[in-house]
Amino acid sequence: MVISKLKAFFAPETTTEQKTVVAPTTDSKFASLETALGYSFKNQTLLVHALTHKSSVKPEQDPNGLTSNERLEFLGDSVINCLVTAELFHKYPDYSEGRLAKMKSLLVSRKILGIVANRIDLSRYILRGRSEKKNKREGGNSIESNAIESVLGAIYLDSGFDAVESVLKKILYPSIEFFLNDVENRNYKSRILEMSQKDGHGIPRYPMISEEGPDHDKRFTIAIEIAGVRLGTGTGKNKKEAEQDAARIAVQKYPETQFEKVLE
């Protein structure tokens, strides 16, 4: 009942995205993507907008970033967090708040959303600029994980919470147990903390290296140090994400790192 009231309260209204200047597309162009999602857009323009990466838009023509998918990404992130939280709350009635919070953090992480995006081959539909086409060839899934958020945000605007929930039931919820049980998907900061403390090296430090970009598009670079030894640096759109990236690198390098001289 609470969820139903929340859905009613946050029912989508007409927005800039629904009036967007992005050109509409034909149904056939994204038919396979809609099949993978299990959802057909009533307003195809919303789908195009959701797939438009900022690199494909000239800054001078869109200084406020309204034509790219960033606003939809912002919306989709909140919608996903709400629905995944509700799903976990009902699925695991005996779990504590702290445990549920860690599970939700994993399931909405860039890594997991990137995996989900790759499963539906989302990358092939994203509209990119030349620089990001090069990055696509070099690997990485941050754009894809952001795009799945923007697509789900677009679905919310197109049809509301129930439609997004239906899509999540198809592309994410069936894999919840798999993702949670896969040791490789655990919180990297927790893993490296366990490893460091087990060996008597104390708590890892995460010194800030740099903070770049405008407020709406920040890029953080943060290092990780254990017992005075720097194991690597990570990047992300916020400090938490950058620390996780740094911790991921540290987990890989830790077994081969020598700490003895530092601890003497």
Foldseek 3Di string as FASTA:
>chain_A
DVVVVVQVVPQADDDCQNVDPQDADDQVVCVLLCVLLVHGFPGRSLVLQLQEAPQLDDCVVPVPPPSHLLVLLVQLLVLLLVLLLVVLCVVCVPDDPVVSVQLSCLLLDQVNLLVLLVVSPVVVRHDHHPVVVVVVVVDDRNSSSSSVSSNLSSQCNRPRSVSSSVSCVNRPVVCSVVLVPPPLSGQLLVVVQVVLVVVPQHHKDKAWDDWDDDPSAIKTKIWIDTLRRTQGIAMDSDPVRRVSRNSNSCVVCVVVDDNVVSVD
